[in-house]
Amino acid sequence: RQAPGKEREGVSCFSSSGGRTKYADSVKGRFTIYRDNAK
């Protein structure tokens, strides 16, 4: 995400290896990343 006047920030990622996920501290516990391979 990128807000006006601010640097781009990584929010969350879903690794291709083992399906691991990672979240920025600012969104932990509030955001969830997930994948639907069929779609």
Full PDB file with SEQRES, HELIX, SHEET, SSBOND, CRYST1, ORIGX, SCALE, CONECT and MASTER records, all heavy atoms in Angstrom:
SEQRES   1 A   39  ARG GLN ALA PRO GLY LYS GLU ARG GLU GLY VAL SER CYS          
SEQRES   2 A   39  PHE SER SER SER GLY GLY ARG THR LYS TYR ALA ASP SER          
SEQRES   3 A   39  VAL LYS GLY ARG PHE THR ILE TYR ARG ASP ASN ALA LYS          
SHEET    1 AA1 2 SER A  12  PHE A  14  0                                        
SHEET    2 AA1 2 THR A  21  TYR A  23 -1                                        
CRYST1    1.000    1.000    1.000  90.00  90.00  90.00 P 1           1          
ORIGX1      1.000000  0.000000  0.000000        0.00000                         
ORIGX2      0.000000  1.000000  0.000000        0.00000                         
ORIGX3      0.000000  0.000000  1.000000        0.00000                         
SCALE1      1.000000  0.000000  0.000000        0.00000                         
SCALE2      0.000000  1.000000  0.000000        0.00000                         
SCALE3      0.000000  0.000000  1.000000        0.00000                         
ATOM      1  N   ARG A   1       0.847  -1.182   0.000  1.00  0.00           N  
ATOM      2  CA  ARG A   1       0.000   0.000   0.000  1.00  0.00           C  
ATOM      3  C   ARG A   1       0.886   1.237   0.000  1.00  0.00           C  
ATOM      4  O   ARG A   1       2.010   1.224   0.498  1.00  0.00           O  
ATOM      5  CB  ARG A   1      -0.945   0.009   1.199  1.00  0.00           C  
ATOM      6  CG  ARG A   1      -0.269   0.127   2.559  1.00  0.00           C  
ATOM      7  CD  ARG A   1      -1.303  -0.001   3.674  1.00  0.00           C  
ATOM      8  NE  ARG A   1      -0.688   0.104   4.993  1.00  0.00           N  
ATOM      9  CZ  ARG A   1      -1.339  -0.099   6.143  1.00  0.00           C  
ATOM     10  NH1 ARG A   1      -2.640  -0.423   6.129  1.00  0.00           N  
ATOM     11  NH2 ARG A   1      -0.709   0.014   7.288  1.00  0.00           N  
ATOM     12  N   GLN A   2       0.334   2.298  -0.580  1.00  0.00           N  
ATOM     13  CA  GLN A   2       1.053   3.560  -0.621  1.00  0.00           C  
ATOM     14  C   GLN A   2       0.074   4.693  -0.394  1.00  0.00           C  
ATOM     15  O   GLN A   2      -0.873   4.877  -1.172  1.00  0.00           O  
ATOM     16  CB  GLN A   2       1.802   3.742  -1.937  1.00  0.00           C  
ATOM     17  CG  GLN A   2       2.730   4.941  -1.931  1.00  0.00           C  
ATOM     18  CD  GLN A   2       3.708   4.925  -3.082  1.00  0.00           C  
ATOM     19  OE1 GLN A   2       3.508   4.275  -4.092  1.00  0.00           O  
ATOM     20  NE2 GLN A   2       4.807   5.650  -2.923  1.00  0.00           N  
ATOM     21  N   ALA A   3       0.305   5.433   0.672  1.00  0.00           N  
ATOM     22  CA  ALA A   3      -0.494   6.612   0.981  1.00  0.00           C  
ATOM     23  C   ALA A   3       0.177   7.834   0.368  1.00  0.00           C  
ATOM     24  O   ALA A   3       1.394   7.835   0.147  1.00  0.00           O  
ATOM     25  CB  ALA A   3      -0.630   6.769   2.490  1.00  0.00           C  
ATOM     26  N   PRO A   4      -0.587   8.891   0.107  1.00  0.00           N  
ATOM     27  CA  PRO A   4      -0.004  10.105  -0.476  1.00  0.00           C  
ATOM     28  C   PRO A   4       1.152  10.630   0.366  1.00  0.00           C  
ATOM     29  O   PRO A   4       1.035  10.758   1.585  1.00  0.00           O  
ATOM     30  CB  PRO A   4      -1.181  11.085  -0.476  1.00  0.00           C  
ATOM     31  CG  PRO A   4      -2.383  10.222  -0.522  1.00  0.00           C  
ATOM     32  CD  PRO A   4      -2.043   9.006   0.274  1.00  0.00           C  
ATOM     33  N   GLY A   5       2.273  10.892  -0.292  1.00  0.00           N  
ATOM     34  CA  GLY A   5       3.426  11.447   0.393  1.00  0.00           C  
ATOM     35  C   GLY A   5       4.226  10.464   1.202  1.00  0.00           C  
ATOM     36  O   GLY A   5       5.178  10.852   1.894  1.00  0.00           O  
ATOM     37  N   LYS A   6       3.852   9.190   1.159  1.00  0.00           N  
ATOM     38  CA  LYS A   6       4.557   8.171   1.941  1.00  0.00           C  
ATOM     39  C   LYS A   6       5.156   7.107   1.032  1.00  0.00           C  
ATOM     40  O   LYS A   6       4.740   6.947  -0.116  1.00  0.00           O  
ATOM     41  CB  LYS A   6       3.608   7.525   2.946  1.00  0.00           C  
ATOM     42  CG  LYS A   6       3.112   8.479   4.017  1.00  0.00           C  
ATOM     43  CD  LYS A   6       2.353   7.755   5.096  1.00  0.00           C  
ATOM     44  CE  LYS A   6       1.944   8.698   6.214  1.00  0.00           C  
ATOM     45  NZ  LYS A   6       1.202   7.982   7.290  1.00  0.00           N  
ATOM     46  N   GLU A   7       6.118   6.374   1.570  1.00  0.00           N  
ATOM     47  CA  GLU A   7       6.729   5.291   0.805  1.00  0.00           C  
ATOM     48  C   GLU A   7       5.797   4.089   0.732  1.00  0.00           C  
ATOM     49  O   GLU A   7       4.921   3.899   1.580  1.00  0.00           O  
ATOM     50  CB  GLU A   7       8.051   4.875   1.467  1.00  0.00           C  
ATOM     51  CG  GLU A   7       9.140   5.916   1.389  1.00  0.00           C  
ATOM     52  CD  GLU A   7      10.470   5.408   1.889  1.00  0.00           C  
ATOM     53  OE1 GLU A   7      10.527   4.240   2.345  1.00  0.00           O  
ATOM     54  OE2 GLU A   7      11.446   6.154   1.843  1.00  0.00           O  
ATOM     55  N   ARG A   8       6.016   3.283  -0.286  1.00  0.00           N  
ATOM     56  CA  ARG A   8       5.265   2.042  -0.430  1.00  0.00           C  
ATOM     57  C   ARG A   8       5.591   1.119   0.733  1.00  0.00           C  
ATOM     58  O   ARG A   8       6.755   0.962   1.106  1.00  0.00           O  
ATOM     59  CB  ARG A   8       5.612   1.374  -1.751  1.00  0.00           C  
ATOM     60  CG  ARG A   8       4.888   0.066  -2.015  1.00  0.00           C  
ATOM     61  CD  ARG A   8       5.358  -0.506  -3.333  1.00  0.00           C  
ATOM     62  NE  ARG A   8       4.818   0.221  -4.445  1.00  0.00           N  
ATOM     63  CZ  ARG A   8       5.268   0.099  -5.703  1.00  0.00           C  
ATOM     64  NH1 ARG A   8       6.279  -0.705  -5.954  1.00  0.00           N  
ATOM     65  NH2 ARG A   8       4.718   0.769  -6.666  1.00  0.00           N  
ATOM     66  N   GLU A   9       4.556   0.495   1.285  1.00  0.00           N  
ATOM     67  CA  GLU A   9       4.723  -0.370   2.454  1.00  0.00           C  
ATOM     68  C   GLU A   9       4.229  -1.778   2.133  1.00  0.00           C  
ATOM     69  O   GLU A   9       3.108  -1.929   1.620  1.00  0.00           O  
ATOM     70  CB  GLU A   9       3.916   0.202   3.625  1.00  0.00           C  
ATOM     71  CG  GLU A   9       3.908  -0.687   4.860  1.00  0.00           C  
ATOM     72  CD  GLU A   9       2.919  -0.228   5.914  1.00  0.00           C  
ATOM     73  OE1 GLU A   9       2.004   0.554   5.586  1.00  0.00           O  
ATOM     74  OE2 GLU A   9       3.042  -0.672   7.070  1.00  0.00           O  
ATOM     75  N   GLY A  10       5.028  -2.766   2.431  1.00  0.00           N  
ATOM     76  CA  GLY A  10       4.585  -4.150   2.308  1.00  0.00           C  
ATOM     77  C   GLY A  10       3.610  -4.484   3.422  1.00  0.00           C  
ATOM     78  O   GLY A  10       3.930  -4.264   4.593  1.00  0.00           O  
ATOM     79  N   VAL A  11       2.448  -4.986   3.075  1.00  0.00           N  
ATOM     80  CA  VAL A  11       1.390  -5.257   4.050  1.00  0.00           C  
ATOM     81  C   VAL A  11       1.349  -6.731   4.429  1.00  0.00           C  
ATOM     82  O   VAL A  11       1.340  -7.089   5.601  1.00  0.00           O  
ATOM     83  CB  VAL A  11       0.028  -4.823   3.483  1.00  0.00           C  
ATOM     84  CG1 VAL A  11      -1.105  -5.207   4.426  1.00  0.00           C  
ATOM     85  CG2 VAL A  11       0.011  -3.320   3.223  1.00  0.00           C  
ATOM     86  N   SER A  12       1.339  -7.592   3.403  1.00  0.00           N  
ATOM     87  CA  SER A  12       1.238  -9.027   3.662  1.00  0.00           C  
ATOM     88  C   SER A  12       1.717  -9.790   2.442  1.00  0.00           C  
ATOM     89  O   SER A  12       1.660  -9.272   1.323  1.00  0.00           O  
ATOM     90  CB  SER A  12      -0.216  -9.407   3.970  1.00  0.00           C  
ATOM     91  OG  SER A  12      -0.322 -10.789   4.243  1.00  0.00           O  
ATOM     92  N   CYS A  13       2.195 -11.010   2.660  1.00  0.00           N  
ATOM     93  CA  CYS A  13       2.636 -11.839   1.530  1.00  0.00           C  
ATOM     94  C   CYS A  13       2.308 -13.302   1.799  1.00  0.00           C  
ATOM     95  O   CYS A  13       2.173 -13.732   2.946  1.00  0.00           O  
ATOM     96  CB  CYS A  13       4.118 -11.669   1.252  1.00  0.00           C  
ATOM     97  SG  CYS A  13       5.162 -11.884   2.678  1.00  0.00           S  
ATOM     98  N   PHE A  14       2.168 -14.026   0.691  1.00  0.00           N  
ATOM     99  CA  PHE A  14       1.830 -15.450   0.723  1.00  0.00           C  
ATOM    100  C   PHE A  14       2.909 -16.152  -0.087  1.00  0.00           C  
ATOM    101  O   PHE A  14       2.965 -15.986  -1.313  1.00  0.00           O  
ATOM    102  CB  PHE A  14       0.443 -15.646   0.104  1.00  0.00           C  
ATOM    103  CG  PHE A  14      -0.149 -17.002   0.328  1.00  0.00           C  
ATOM    104  CD1 PHE A  14      -1.276 -17.154   1.110  1.00  0.00           C  
ATOM    105  CD2 PHE A  14       0.401 -18.142  -0.246  1.00  0.00           C  
ATOM    106  CE1 PHE A  14      -1.838 -18.398   1.303  1.00  0.00           C  
ATOM    107  CE2 PHE A  14      -0.147 -19.381  -0.047  1.00  0.00           C  
ATOM    108  CZ  PHE A  14      -1.268 -19.505   0.731  1.00  0.00           C  
ATOM    109  N   SER A  15       3.757 -16.908   0.589  1.00  0.00           N  
ATOM    110  CA  SER A  15       4.901 -17.514  -0.084  1.00  0.00           C  
ATOM    111  C   SER A  15       4.498 -18.686  -0.954  1.00  0.00           C  
ATOM    112  O   SER A  15       3.627 -19.483  -0.590  1.00  0.00           O  
ATOM    113  CB  SER A  15       5.908 -17.979   0.959  1.00  0.00           C  
ATOM    114  OG  SER A  15       6.958 -18.702   0.342  1.00  0.00           O  
ATOM    115  N   SER A  16       5.173 -18.814  -2.122  1.00  0.00           N  
ATOM    116  CA  SER A  16       4.938 -19.957  -3.000  1.00  0.00           C  
ATOM    117  C   SER A  16       5.495 -21.232  -2.392  1.00  0.00           C  
ATOM    118  O   SER A  16       5.139 -22.334  -2.804  1.00  0.00           O  
ATOM    119  CB  SER A  16       5.568 -19.708  -4.361  1.00  0.00           C  
ATOM    120  OG  SER A  16       6.965 -19.515  -4.229  1.00  0.00           O  
ATOM    121  N   SER A  17       6.392 -21.088  -1.431  1.00  0.00           N  
ATOM    122  CA  SER A  17       7.038 -22.235  -0.804  1.00  0.00           C  
ATOM    123  C   SER A  17       6.368 -22.560   0.519  1.00  0.00           C  
ATOM    124  O   SER A  17       6.551 -21.850   1.510  1.00  0.00           O  
ATOM    125  CB  SER A  17       8.525 -21.943  -0.582  1.00  0.00           C  
ATOM    126  OG  SER A  17       9.149 -23.012   0.099  1.00  0.00           O  
ATOM    127  N   GLY A  18       5.553 -23.585   0.517  1.00  0.00           N  
ATOM    128  CA  GLY A  18       4.931 -24.027   1.763  1.00  0.00           C  
ATOM    129  C   GLY A  18       3.739 -23.232   2.218  1.00  0.00           C  
ATOM    130  O   GLY A  18       3.168 -23.508   3.267  1.00  0.00           O  
ATOM    131  N   GLY A  19       3.335 -22.235   1.431  1.00  0.00           N  
ATOM    132  CA  GLY A  19       2.163 -21.459   1.785  1.00  0.00           C  
ATOM    133  C   GLY A  19       2.311 -20.609   3.029  1.00  0.00           C  
ATOM    134  O   GLY A  19       1.324 -20.251   3.677  1.00  0.00           O  
ATOM    135  N   ARG A  20       3.539 -20.254   3.390  1.00  0.00           N  
ATOM    136  CA  ARG A  20       3.749 -19.419   4.566  1.00  0.00           C  
ATOM    137  C   ARG A  20       3.270 -18.011   4.299  1.00  0.00           C  
ATOM    138  O   ARG A  20       3.276 -17.532   3.169  1.00  0.00           O  
ATOM    139  CB  ARG A  20       5.221 -19.425   4.949  1.00  0.00           C  
ATOM    140  CG  ARG A  20       5.750 -20.796   5.342  1.00  0.00           C  
ATOM    141  CD  ARG A  20       7.242 -20.758   5.558  1.00  0.00           C  
ATOM    142  NE  ARG A  20       7.595 -19.923   6.703  1.00  0.00           N  
ATOM    143  CZ  ARG A  20       8.844 -19.606   7.024  1.00  0.00           C  
ATOM    144  NH1 ARG A  20       9.853 -20.043   6.278  1.00  0.00           N  
ATOM    145  NH2 ARG A  20       9.103 -18.876   8.083  1.00  0.00           N  
ATOM    146  N   THR A  21       2.870 -17.323   5.363  1.00  0.00           N  
ATOM    147  CA  THR A  21       2.401 -15.954   5.246  1.00  0.00           C  
ATOM    148  C   THR A  21       3.193 -15.050   6.183  1.00  0.00           C  
ATOM    149  O   THR A  21       3.796 -15.508   7.161  1.00  0.00           O  
ATOM    150  CB  THR A  21       0.907 -15.835   5.577  1.00  0.00           C  
ATOM    151  OG1 THR A  21       0.687 -16.309   6.912  1.00  0.00           O  
ATOM    152  CG2 THR A  21       0.060 -16.641   4.604  1.00  0.00           C  
ATOM    153  N   LYS A  22       3.168 -13.768   5.870  1.00  0.00           N  
ATOM    154  CA  LYS A  22       3.865 -12.776   6.682  1.00  0.00           C  
ATOM    155  C   LYS A  22       3.051 -11.497   6.653  1.00  0.00           C  
ATOM    156  O   LYS A  22       2.433 -11.175   5.626  1.00  0.00           O  
ATOM    157  CB  LYS A  22       5.275 -12.532   6.142  1.00  0.00           C  
ATOM    158  CG  LYS A  22       6.134 -11.627   7.005  1.00  0.00           C  
ATOM    159  CD  LYS A  22       7.548 -11.561   6.435  1.00  0.00           C  
ATOM    160  CE  LYS A  22       8.461 -10.704   7.290  1.00  0.00           C  
ATOM    161  NZ  LYS A  22       9.845 -10.688   6.773  1.00  0.00           N  
ATOM    162  N   TYR A  23       3.061 -10.764   7.772  1.00  0.00           N  
ATOM    163  CA  TYR A  23       2.308  -9.528   7.872  1.00  0.00           C  
ATOM    164  C   TYR A  23       3.182  -8.426   8.451  1.00  0.00           C  
ATOM    165  O   TYR A  23       4.044  -8.678   9.302  1.00  0.00           O  
ATOM    166  CB  TYR A  23       1.089  -9.723   8.787  1.00  0.00           C  
ATOM    167  CG  TYR A  23       0.104 -10.739   8.265  1.00  0.00           C  
ATOM    168  CD1 TYR A  23       0.214 -12.084   8.604  1.00  0.00           C  
ATOM    169  CD2 TYR A  23      -0.925 -10.350   7.406  1.00  0.00           C  
ATOM    170  CE1 TYR A  23      -0.688 -13.016   8.111  1.00  0.00           C  
ATOM    171  CE2 TYR A  23      -1.826 -11.277   6.922  1.00  0.00           C  
ATOM    172  CZ  TYR A  23      -1.700 -12.609   7.272  1.00  0.00           C  
ATOM    173  OH  TYR A  23      -2.598 -13.524   6.768  1.00  0.00           O  
ATOM    174  N   ALA A  24       2.923  -7.209   7.993  1.00  0.00           N  
ATOM    175  CA  ALA A  24       3.538  -6.051   8.632  1.00  0.00           C  
ATOM    176  C   ALA A  24       3.000  -5.935  10.055  1.00  0.00           C  
ATOM    177  O   ALA A  24       1.843  -6.280  10.329  1.00  0.00           O  
ATOM    178  CB  ALA A  24       3.225  -4.791   7.838  1.00  0.00           C  
ATOM    179  N   ASP A  25       3.828  -5.435  10.962  1.00  0.00           N  
ATOM    180  CA  ASP A  25       3.402  -5.296  12.355  1.00  0.00           C  
ATOM    181  C   ASP A  25       2.142  -4.447  12.474  1.00  0.00           C  
ATOM    182  O   ASP A  25       1.303  -4.681  13.356  1.00  0.00           O  
ATOM    183  CB  ASP A  25       4.526  -4.677  13.188  1.00  0.00           C  
ATOM    184  CG  ASP A  25       5.683  -5.638  13.404  1.00  0.00           C  
ATOM    185  OD1 ASP A  25       5.496  -6.864  13.209  1.00  0.00           O  
ATOM    186  OD2 ASP A  25       6.779  -5.160  13.760  1.00  0.00           O  
ATOM    187  N   SER A  26       2.003  -3.484  11.593  1.00  0.00           N  
ATOM    188  CA  SER A  26       0.877  -2.543  11.664  1.00  0.00           C  
ATOM    189  C   SER A  26      -0.474  -3.197  11.367  1.00  0.00           C  
ATOM    190  O   SER A  26      -1.517  -2.609  11.677  1.00  0.00           O  
ATOM    191  CB  SER A  26       1.107  -1.371  10.702  1.00  0.00           C  
ATOM    192  OG  SER A  26       1.281  -1.849   9.374  1.00  0.00           O  
ATOM    193  N   VAL A  27      -0.464  -4.393  10.766  1.00  0.00           N  
ATOM    194  CA  VAL A  27      -1.742  -5.027  10.402  1.00  0.00           C  
ATOM    195  C   VAL A  27      -1.933  -6.401  11.029  1.00  0.00           C  
ATOM    196  O   VAL A  27      -2.977  -7.025  10.843  1.00  0.00           O  
ATOM    197  CB  VAL A  27      -1.884  -5.143   8.862  1.00  0.00           C  
ATOM    198  CG1 VAL A  27      -1.702  -3.790   8.201  1.00  0.00           C  
ATOM    199  CG2 VAL A  27      -0.917  -6.176   8.290  1.00  0.00           C  
ATOM    200  N   LYS A  28      -0.961  -6.874  11.783  1.00  0.00           N  
ATOM    201  CA  LYS A  28      -1.063  -8.199  12.394  1.00  0.00           C  
ATOM    202  C   LYS A  28      -2.305  -8.309  13.270  1.00  0.00           C  
ATOM    203  O   LYS A  28      -2.612  -7.407  14.040  1.00  0.00           O  
ATOM    204  CB  LYS A  28       0.175  -8.491  13.236  1.00  0.00           C  
ATOM    205  CG  LYS A  28       1.358  -8.978  12.454  1.00  0.00           C  
ATOM    206  CD  LYS A  28       2.540  -9.260  13.364  1.00  0.00           C  
ATOM    207  CE  LYS A  28       3.743  -9.702  12.571  1.00  0.00           C  
ATOM    208  NZ  LYS A  28       4.938  -9.896  13.422  1.00  0.00           N  
ATOM    209  N   GLY A  29      -3.009  -9.406  13.113  1.00  0.00           N  
ATOM    210  CA  GLY A  29      -4.217  -9.642  13.889  1.00  0.00           C  
ATOM    211  C   GLY A  29      -5.465  -9.030  13.291  1.00  0.00           C  
ATOM    212  O   GLY A  29      -6.576  -9.318  13.741  1.00  0.00           O  
ATOM    213  N   ARG A  30      -5.298  -8.180  12.281  1.00  0.00           N  
ATOM    214  CA  ARG A  30      -6.453  -7.522  11.647  1.00  0.00           C  
ATOM    215  C   ARG A  30      -6.628  -7.917  10.192  1.00  0.00           C  
ATOM    216  O   ARG A  30      -7.742  -7.944   9.688  1.00  0.00           O  
ATOM    217  CB  ARG A  30      -6.308  -6.002  11.759  1.00  0.00           C  
ATOM    218  CG  ARG A  30      -6.233  -5.499  13.177  1.00  0.00           C  
ATOM    219  CD  ARG A  30      -6.247  -3.972  13.237  1.00  0.00           C  
ATOM    220  NE  ARG A  30      -5.088  -3.374  12.591  1.00  0.00           N  
ATOM    221  CZ  ARG A  30      -5.160  -2.590  11.511  1.00  0.00           C  
ATOM    222  NH1 ARG A  30      -6.338  -2.318  10.976  1.00  0.00           N  
ATOM    223  NH2 ARG A  30      -4.069  -2.072  11.006  1.00  0.00           N  
ATOM    224  N   PHE A  31      -5.521  -8.199   9.500  1.00  0.00           N  
ATOM    225  CA  PHE A  31      -5.566  -8.542   8.076  1.00  0.00           C  
ATOM    226  C   PHE A  31      -5.244 -10.025   7.907  1.00  0.00           C  
ATOM    227  O   PHE A  31      -4.435 -10.590   8.650  1.00  0.00           O  
ATOM    228  CB  PHE A  31      -4.536  -7.736   7.286  1.00  0.00           C  
ATOM    229  CG  PHE A  31      -4.857  -6.270   7.117  1.00  0.00           C  
ATOM    230  CD1 PHE A  31      -5.827  -5.631   7.875  1.00  0.00           C  
ATOM    231  CD2 PHE A  31      -4.167  -5.513   6.178  1.00  0.00           C  
ATOM    232  CE1 PHE A  31      -6.119  -4.296   7.713  1.00  0.00           C  
ATOM    233  CE2 PHE A  31      -4.437  -4.169   5.996  1.00  0.00           C  
ATOM    234  CZ  PHE A  31      -5.401  -3.559   6.768  1.00  0.00           C  
ATOM    235  N   THR A  32      -5.847 -10.632   6.885  1.00  0.00           N  
ATOM    236  CA  THR A  32      -5.569 -12.026   6.555  1.00  0.00           C  
ATOM    237  C   THR A  32      -5.411 -12.159   5.043  1.00  0.00           C  
ATOM    238  O   THR A  32      -6.268 -11.697   4.294  1.00  0.00           O  
ATOM    239  CB  THR A  32      -6.705 -12.947   7.023  1.00  0.00           C  
ATOM    240  OG1 THR A  32      -6.906 -12.796   8.434  1.00  0.00           O  
ATOM    241  CG2 THR A  32      -6.363 -14.407   6.728  1.00  0.00           C  
ATOM    242  N   ILE A  33      -4.324 -12.804   4.630  1.00  0.00           N  
ATOM    243  CA  ILE A  33      -4.104 -13.070   3.207  1.00  0.00           C  
ATOM    244  C   ILE A  33      -4.379 -14.545   2.961  1.00  0.00           C  
ATOM    245  O   ILE A  33      -3.992 -15.410   3.755  1.00  0.00           O  
ATOM    246  CB  ILE A  33      -2.669 -12.695   2.780  1.00  0.00           C  
ATOM    247  CG1 ILE A  33      -2.501 -12.787   1.258  1.00  0.00           C  
ATOM    248  CG2 ILE A  33      -1.622 -13.535   3.496  1.00  0.00           C  
ATOM    249  CD1 ILE A  33      -1.176 -12.207   0.750  1.00  0.00           C  
ATOM    250  N   TYR A  34      -5.088 -14.825   1.859  1.00  0.00           N  
ATOM    251  CA  TYR A  34      -5.333 -16.219   1.533  1.00  0.00           C  
ATOM    252  C   TYR A  34      -5.538 -16.356   0.029  1.00  0.00           C  
ATOM    253  O   TYR A  34      -5.799 -15.375  -0.664  1.00  0.00           O  
ATOM    254  CB  TYR A  34      -6.516 -16.796   2.316  1.00  0.00           C  
ATOM    255  CG  TYR A  34      -7.850 -16.137   2.083  1.00  0.00           C  
ATOM    256  CD1 TYR A  34      -8.800 -16.682   1.227  1.00  0.00           C  
ATOM    257  CD2 TYR A  34      -8.185 -14.957   2.749  1.00  0.00           C  
ATOM    258  CE1 TYR A  34     -10.027 -16.080   1.040  1.00  0.00           C  
ATOM    259  CE2 TYR A  34      -9.413 -14.349   2.572  1.00  0.00           C  
ATOM    260  CZ  TYR A  34     -10.325 -14.913   1.720  1.00  0.00           C  
ATOM    261  OH  TYR A  34     -11.556 -14.313   1.529  1.00  0.00           O  
ATOM    262  N   ARG A  35      -5.416 -17.580  -0.434  1.00  0.00           N  
ATOM    263  CA  ARG A  35      -5.416 -17.850  -1.880  1.00  0.00           C  
ATOM    264  C   ARG A  35      -6.540 -18.811  -2.241  1.00  0.00           C  
ATOM    265  O   ARG A  35      -6.833 -19.742  -1.498  1.00  0.00           O  
ATOM    266  CB  ARG A  35      -4.060 -18.464  -2.258  1.00  0.00           C  
ATOM    267  CG  ARG A  35      -3.773 -18.582  -3.715  1.00  0.00           C  
ATOM    268  CD  ARG A  35      -2.680 -19.622  -3.971  1.00  0.00           C  
ATOM    269  NE  ARG A  35      -1.458 -19.367  -3.237  1.00  0.00           N  
ATOM    270  CZ  ARG A  35      -0.350 -18.900  -3.798  1.00  0.00           C  
ATOM    271  NH1 ARG A  35      -0.317 -18.620  -5.081  1.00  0.00           N  
ATOM    272  NH2 ARG A  35       0.739 -18.738  -3.077  1.00  0.00           N  
ATOM    273  N   ASP A  36      -7.170 -18.593  -3.385  1.00  0.00           N  
ATOM    274  CA  ASP A  36      -8.124 -19.537  -3.971  1.00  0.00           C  
ATOM    275  C   ASP A  36      -7.551 -19.950  -5.319  1.00  0.00           C  
ATOM    276  O   ASP A  36      -7.681 -19.223  -6.308  1.00  0.00           O  
ATOM    277  CB  ASP A  36      -9.498 -18.890  -4.123  1.00  0.00           C  
ATOM    278  CG  ASP A  36     -10.559 -19.879  -4.625  1.00  0.00           C  
ATOM    279  OD1 ASP A  36     -10.198 -20.882  -5.276  1.00  0.00           O  
ATOM    280  OD2 ASP A  36     -11.746 -19.635  -4.376  1.00  0.00           O  
ATOM    281  N   ASN A  37      -6.898 -21.109  -5.354  1.00  0.00           N  
ATOM    282  CA  ASN A  37      -6.240 -21.536  -6.588  1.00  0.00           C  
ATOM    283  C   ASN A  37      -7.239 -21.770  -7.715  1.00  0.00           C  
ATOM    284  O   ASN A  37      -6.919 -21.509  -8.891  1.00  0.00           O  
ATOM    285  CB  ASN A  37      -5.438 -22.807  -6.340  1.00  0.00           C  
ATOM    286  CG  ASN A  37      -4.207 -22.556  -5.490  1.00  0.00           C  
ATOM    287  OD1 ASN A  37      -3.728 -21.420  -5.397  1.00  0.00           O  
ATOM    288  ND2 ASN A  37      -3.712 -23.581  -4.840  1.00  0.00           N  
ATOM    289  N   ALA A  38      -8.417 -22.234  -7.393  1.00  0.00           N  
ATOM    290  CA  ALA A  38      -9.416 -22.502  -8.436  1.00  0.00           C  
ATOM    291  C   ALA A  38      -9.811 -21.219  -9.170  1.00  0.00           C  
ATOM    292  O   ALA A  38     -10.147 -21.253 -10.357  1.00  0.00           O  
ATOM    293  CB  ALA A  38     -10.632 -23.163  -7.821  1.00  0.00           C  
ATOM    294  N   LYS A  39      -9.754 -20.104  -8.453  1.00  0.00           N  
ATOM    295  CA  LYS A  39     -10.111 -18.813  -9.063  1.00  0.00           C  
ATOM    296  C   LYS A  39      -8.874 -18.017  -9.466  1.00  0.00           C  
ATOM    297  O   LYS A  39      -9.010 -16.886  -9.943  1.00  0.00           O  
ATOM    298  CB  LYS A  39     -10.957 -17.999  -8.091  1.00  0.00           C  
ATOM    299  CG  LYS A  39     -12.304 -18.636  -7.788  1.00  0.00           C  
ATOM    300  CD  LYS A  39     -13.149 -17.760  -6.879  1.00  0.00           C  
ATOM    301  CE  LYS A  39     -14.519 -18.385  -6.640  1.00  0.00           C  
ATOM    302  NZ  LYS A  39     -15.365 -17.542  -5.746  1.00  0.00           N  
TER     303      LYS A  39                                                      
MASTER        0    0    0    0    2    0    0    6  302    1    0    3          
END                                                                             
